[in-house]
Protein backbone atom coordinates (compact mmCIF):
# COMPACT_ATOMS: atom_id res chain seq x y z
CA MET A 1 0.06 0.03 0.03
CA LEU A 2 1.25 3.44 -0.83
CA PRO A 3 1.88 6.03 1.74
CA ILE A 4 -0.57 8.81 2.23
CA THR A 5 0.74 12.14 1.55
CA VAL A 6 -0.24 15.58 2.55
CA LYS A 7 0.28 17.20 -0.94
CA ASP A 8 0.34 15.04 -4.12
CA HIS A 9 2.83 16.48 -6.76
CA ASP A 10 1.02 16.45 -10.36
CA SER A 11 4.43 17.27 -11.88
CA LEU A 12 8.17 17.41 -11.16
CA LEU A 13 10.07 20.22 -9.82
CA THR A 14 12.30 20.61 -12.55
CA LEU A 15 14.31 23.17 -14.46
CA ASN A 16 15.92 23.31 -17.80
CA ASN A 17 18.90 25.79 -17.72
CA ASN A 18 18.95 25.89 -21.58
CA ASP A 19 15.57 28.01 -21.19
CA MET A 20 16.53 29.99 -18.23
CA PRO A 21 18.22 33.61 -18.34
CA VAL A 22 21.66 33.67 -17.28
CA TYR A 23 22.29 36.85 -14.95
CA LYS A 24 25.69 38.30 -16.34
CA ASP A 25 28.19 40.05 -14.12
CA ILE A 26 25.67 39.80 -11.05
CA MET A 27 27.98 39.66 -8.22
CA VAL A 28 31.26 40.70 -9.59
CA PRO A 29 32.35 41.31 -13.14
CA GLY A 30 33.05 37.95 -14.88
CA LEU A 31 30.60 36.00 -12.65
CA ASP A 32 27.34 34.76 -14.45
CA VAL A 33 24.53 33.03 -12.33
CA GLN A 34 21.58 31.02 -12.82
CA PRO A 35 19.72 30.29 -9.57
CA GLN A 36 18.53 26.74 -9.10
CA PHE A 37 16.95 26.55 -5.46
CA ILE A 38 16.95 28.88 -2.82
CA ASP A 39 15.54 28.32 0.44
CA ILE A 40 16.01 31.36 2.89
CA ASN A 41 14.48 29.50 5.76
CA ARG A 42 16.89 26.80 5.96
CA GLY A 43 19.91 28.71 4.44
CA ILE A 44 20.35 26.52 1.51
CA TRP A 45 21.38 27.88 -2.29
CA VAL A 46 22.08 26.09 -5.15
CA LEU A 47 23.36 28.09 -8.13
CA ARG A 48 24.94 27.34 -11.49
CA VAL A 49 27.79 29.90 -11.63
CA MET A 50 29.70 30.60 -14.63
CA PHE A 51 33.31 32.06 -13.95
CA HIS A 52 35.17 33.91 -16.70
CA PRO A 53 38.85 33.67 -17.03
CA GLY A 54 40.65 35.75 -14.34
CA VAL A 55 37.79 35.87 -11.86
CA ARG A 56 38.89 35.83 -8.39
CA LEU A 57 36.59 35.98 -5.19
CA PRO A 58 37.26 37.51 -1.83
CA MET A 59 38.71 35.28 0.68
CA HIS A 60 35.60 33.61 2.59
CA TYR A 61 34.63 31.63 5.45
CA HIS A 62 31.94 29.16 5.25
CA THR A 63 29.50 28.73 8.04
CA GLY A 64 28.13 25.56 6.67
CA THR A 65 28.94 22.86 4.15
CA VAL A 66 29.47 23.19 0.24
CA HIS A 67 29.12 20.70 -2.47
CA LEU A 68 30.92 21.79 -5.82
CA TRP A 69 30.89 20.19 -9.16
CA THR A 70 33.17 21.58 -12.01
CA LEU A 71 31.26 20.95 -15.18
CA SER A 72 33.86 22.59 -17.30
CA GLY A 73 36.89 25.07 -17.27
CA LYS A 74 39.34 24.89 -14.27
CA TRP A 75 39.83 26.80 -10.95
CA ASN A 76 41.64 26.59 -7.82
CA TYR A 77 41.91 27.86 -4.38
CA VAL A 78 44.94 30.33 -3.91
CA GLU A 79 45.68 28.44 -0.88
CA TYR A 80 45.70 25.15 -2.67
CA PRO A 81 47.49 25.84 -5.97
CA ASP A 82 48.45 22.11 -6.68
CA GLN A 83 45.02 20.81 -6.42
CA PRO A 84 43.12 22.47 -9.35
CA GLN A 85 39.63 21.82 -9.85
CA THR A 86 38.83 20.73 -13.78
CA ALA A 87 35.67 19.41 -15.40
CA GLY A 88 34.29 16.24 -13.73
CA CYS A 89 35.64 17.33 -10.38
CA TYR A 90 33.48 17.05 -7.35
CA LEU A 91 34.59 19.25 -4.20
CA PHE A 92 33.06 18.90 -0.52
CA GLU A 93 33.87 21.64 1.77
CA PRO A 94 33.37 21.27 5.54
CA GLY A 95 31.72 24.09 7.51
CA GLY A 96 34.65 26.34 8.68
CA SER A 97 36.39 26.18 5.55
CA ILE A 98 38.27 29.42 4.42
CA HIS A 99 39.81 30.08 1.20
CA THR A 100 40.02 32.20 -1.93
CA PHE A 101 38.59 30.97 -5.30
CA ASN A 102 40.66 31.87 -8.28
CA VAL A 103 40.02 31.19 -12.23
CA PRO A 104 43.33 31.18 -14.30
CA GLU A 105 43.64 34.05 -16.35
CA ASP A 106 44.81 31.99 -19.12
CA ASN A 107 41.62 29.55 -19.01
CA THR A 108 40.56 29.31 -22.61
CA GLU A 109 37.01 28.78 -21.53
CA ILE A 110 34.42 29.61 -19.20
CA THR A 111 34.40 27.61 -15.81
CA ASP A 112 31.03 26.33 -15.40
CA THR A 113 30.18 25.07 -11.74
CA LEU A 114 27.13 24.00 -9.90
CA MET A 115 27.12 24.68 -6.13
CA LEU A 116 25.10 23.59 -3.10
CA VAL A 117 25.57 25.78 -0.09
CA GLU A 118 24.34 25.57 3.26
CA GLY A 119 24.91 28.81 5.36
CA ALA A 120 26.76 31.77 4.46
CA ASN A 121 29.90 33.09 3.11
CA VAL A 122 31.68 35.51 5.21
CA ASN A 123 33.73 37.59 2.79
CA PHE A 124 36.95 39.38 3.77
CA ASP A 125 38.90 41.99 2.02
CA GLU A 126 42.78 41.95 0.90
CA ASN A 127 43.60 42.95 4.45
CA GLY A 128 41.46 40.33 6.16
CA GLU A 129 39.07 42.72 7.51
CA TYR A 130 35.30 41.73 7.19
CA HIS A 131 33.79 42.96 3.98
CA SER A 132 30.34 41.48 3.55
CA ILE A 133 28.10 38.27 4.02
CA LEU A 134 26.54 36.20 1.21
CA ASP A 135 23.72 33.87 2.00
CA ALA A 136 20.57 32.65 0.46
CA ASN A 137 18.64 35.78 1.64
CA SER A 138 21.17 38.10 0.08
CA ILE A 139 21.48 36.37 -2.81
CA THR A 140 17.84 36.42 -3.44
CA LEU A 141 18.02 40.14 -2.75
CA LEU A 142 20.74 40.48 -5.27
CA ILE A 143 18.90 38.59 -7.92
CA GLU A 144 15.65 40.77 -7.53
CA GLN A 145 17.60 43.86 -7.63
CA TYR A 146 19.46 42.94 -11.05
CA ILE A 147 16.21 41.79 -12.62
CA GLN A 148 14.54 44.94 -11.63
CA GLU A 149 17.40 47.27 -12.65
CA ASN A 150 17.40 45.56 -16.09
CA GLY A 151 13.65 45.17 -16.78
CA LEU A 152 13.70 41.68 -16.68
CA GLU A 153 10.94 38.85 -15.93
CA PRO A 154 11.06 37.53 -12.48
CA ALA A 155 13.75 34.57 -12.25
CA THR A 156 12.49 30.95 -12.22
CA TYR A 157 14.04 28.86 -9.55
CA ILE A 158 12.60 26.28 -6.90
CA LYS A 159 11.77 28.26 -4.01
CA PRO A 160 10.22 26.56 -0.93
CA SER A 161 7.24 28.50 0.67
CA MET A 162 7.61 30.47 3.80
CA PRO A 163 6.59 28.64 7.20
CA ASP A 164 3.26 29.53 8.18
CA TYR A 165 0.31 28.49 10.66
CA ALA A 166 -1.63 25.31 9.82
CA PRO A 167 -5.19 26.42 9.14
CA ASN A 168 -7.21 26.06 12.09
CA ILE A 169 -9.46 22.94 11.48
CA LYS A 170 -12.79 22.90 13.55
CA GLY A 171 -14.87 19.66 13.32
């Protein structure tokens, strides 16, 4: 006997990146994004991020875990120059990791990645001073601001609903 479910799904929650816009230079020049899943309640964000040659992100500290797949291109952490990540690589980062993401300037193609991040990136400037924080909420706001400023249609990505009270059921 099949289990009884609260909500029956009549279709899959699926996206086709070929049909979705790419938000170019959204966070820094040379960084293009396609949001896949953003849950601000649980602090989880899944993004397809395309890095152009020469992109270097600020040093950052992860408050939670990261799963990162490299689909094409090449990148490395400045702190681990002998461990480049190339097409086909999967990287797991435990919470508490700190590093500087770097795409070599001599890359001949865009570095295409898919990342699932739990928690936040706490970003630091070149002097090691606090710069900013990047989390599911700030990413949502960045995307919405980008869309509004560029007169684009609302983004399509999977977004769990906000918590709410159950309806009061009276017999």
